[in-house]
Amino acid sequence: MLKIDSKTTIIKKFATTKGDTGSPEVQIALLTERIK
């Protein structure tokens, strides 16, 4: 499980627009970080 601060950082880095949490880029980045 990812901590909120690391999840927020990933979302900010890969989001295409403000508040974007559903784009493929964000979802893949979150899954990749979870796997690590």
N, C-alpha and C. Protein backbone atom coordinates (compact mmCIF):
# COMPACT_ATOMS: atom_id res chain seq x y z
N MET A 1 0.84 -1.18 0.00
CA MET A 1 0.00 0.00 0.00
C MET A 1 0.89 1.24 0.00
N LEU A 2 0.54 2.20 -0.83
CA LEU A 2 1.32 3.42 -0.93
C LEU A 2 0.89 4.43 0.12
N LYS A 3 1.86 5.17 0.64
CA LYS A 3 1.54 6.24 1.57
C LYS A 3 0.96 7.41 0.78
N ILE A 4 0.16 8.21 1.44
CA ILE A 4 -0.54 9.31 0.78
C ILE A 4 0.44 10.29 0.14
N ASP A 5 1.54 10.62 0.83
CA ASP A 5 2.47 11.60 0.27
C ASP A 5 3.16 11.08 -0.99
N SER A 6 3.53 9.80 -1.03
CA SER A 6 4.16 9.27 -2.24
C SER A 6 3.15 9.15 -3.37
N LYS A 7 1.92 8.82 -3.04
CA LYS A 7 0.86 8.73 -4.05
C LYS A 7 0.59 10.11 -4.65
N THR A 8 0.53 11.12 -3.81
CA THR A 8 0.31 12.49 -4.27
C THR A 8 1.43 12.95 -5.19
N THR A 9 2.67 12.62 -4.83
CA THR A 9 3.81 12.99 -5.65
C THR A 9 3.73 12.35 -7.03
N ILE A 10 3.38 11.08 -7.08
CA ILE A 10 3.27 10.37 -8.35
C ILE A 10 2.16 10.98 -9.20
N ILE A 11 1.03 11.28 -8.59
CA ILE A 11 -0.09 11.86 -9.32
C ILE A 11 0.30 13.22 -9.90
N LYS A 12 0.97 14.06 -9.11
CA LYS A 12 1.40 15.37 -9.61
C LYS A 12 2.39 15.23 -10.77
N LYS A 13 3.25 14.23 -10.69
CA LYS A 13 4.27 14.05 -11.73
C LYS A 13 3.68 13.58 -13.05
N PHE A 14 2.69 12.70 -13.02
CA PHE A 14 2.18 12.08 -14.24
C PHE A 14 0.81 12.58 -14.70
N ALA A 15 0.16 13.43 -13.92
CA ALA A 15 -1.18 13.92 -14.30
C ALA A 15 -1.10 14.79 -15.54
N THR A 16 -2.09 14.66 -16.41
CA THR A 16 -2.13 15.48 -17.62
C THR A 16 -2.86 16.79 -17.37
N THR A 17 -3.78 16.81 -16.42
CA THR A 17 -4.47 18.04 -16.01
C THR A 17 -4.60 18.03 -14.49
N LYS A 18 -4.95 19.17 -13.93
CA LYS A 18 -5.10 19.26 -12.48
C LYS A 18 -6.25 18.35 -12.03
N GLY A 19 -6.01 17.55 -11.02
CA GLY A 19 -7.03 16.64 -10.51
C GLY A 19 -7.14 15.34 -11.27
N ASP A 20 -6.23 15.13 -12.21
CA ASP A 20 -6.26 13.92 -13.03
C ASP A 20 -5.73 12.73 -12.23
N THR A 21 -6.59 11.76 -11.97
CA THR A 21 -6.15 10.55 -11.27
C THR A 21 -6.49 9.30 -12.06
N GLY A 22 -7.22 9.45 -13.16
CA GLY A 22 -7.69 8.28 -13.89
C GLY A 22 -7.01 8.03 -15.22
N SER A 23 -6.11 8.92 -15.63
CA SER A 23 -5.46 8.72 -16.93
C SER A 23 -4.55 7.49 -16.86
N PRO A 24 -4.33 6.85 -18.00
CA PRO A 24 -3.47 5.66 -18.02
C PRO A 24 -2.07 5.93 -17.46
N GLU A 25 -1.53 7.11 -17.73
CA GLU A 25 -0.19 7.43 -17.24
C GLU A 25 -0.12 7.39 -15.72
N VAL A 26 -1.12 7.98 -15.08
CA VAL A 26 -1.16 8.01 -13.61
C VAL A 26 -1.38 6.61 -13.06
N GLN A 27 -2.32 5.87 -13.62
CA GLN A 27 -2.64 4.54 -13.13
C GLN A 27 -1.45 3.59 -13.26
N ILE A 28 -0.75 3.65 -14.39
CA ILE A 28 0.42 2.79 -14.60
C ILE A 28 1.53 3.16 -13.63
N ALA A 29 1.74 4.46 -13.42
CA ALA A 29 2.77 4.90 -12.48
C ALA A 29 2.47 4.43 -11.06
N LEU A 30 1.20 4.51 -10.65
CA LEU A 30 0.82 4.06 -9.31
C LEU A 30 0.99 2.55 -9.16
N LEU A 31 0.58 1.80 -10.16
CA LEU A 31 0.74 0.34 -10.11
C LEU A 31 2.21 -0.06 -10.09
N THR A 32 3.01 0.63 -10.90
CA THR A 32 4.44 0.33 -10.95
C THR A 32 5.08 0.57 -9.59
N GLU A 33 4.73 1.69 -8.96
CA GLU A 33 5.29 2.00 -7.64
C GLU A 33 4.83 0.98 -6.60
N ARG A 34 3.60 0.52 -6.70
CA ARG A 34 3.09 -0.47 -5.76
C ARG A 34 3.84 -1.79 -5.90
N ILE A 35 4.18 -2.16 -7.12
CA ILE A 35 4.89 -3.41 -7.38
C ILE A 35 6.30 -3.38 -6.82
N LYS A 36 6.96 -2.21 -6.86
CA LYS A 36 8.34 -2.09 -6.37
C LYS A 36 8.39 -2.46 -4.96
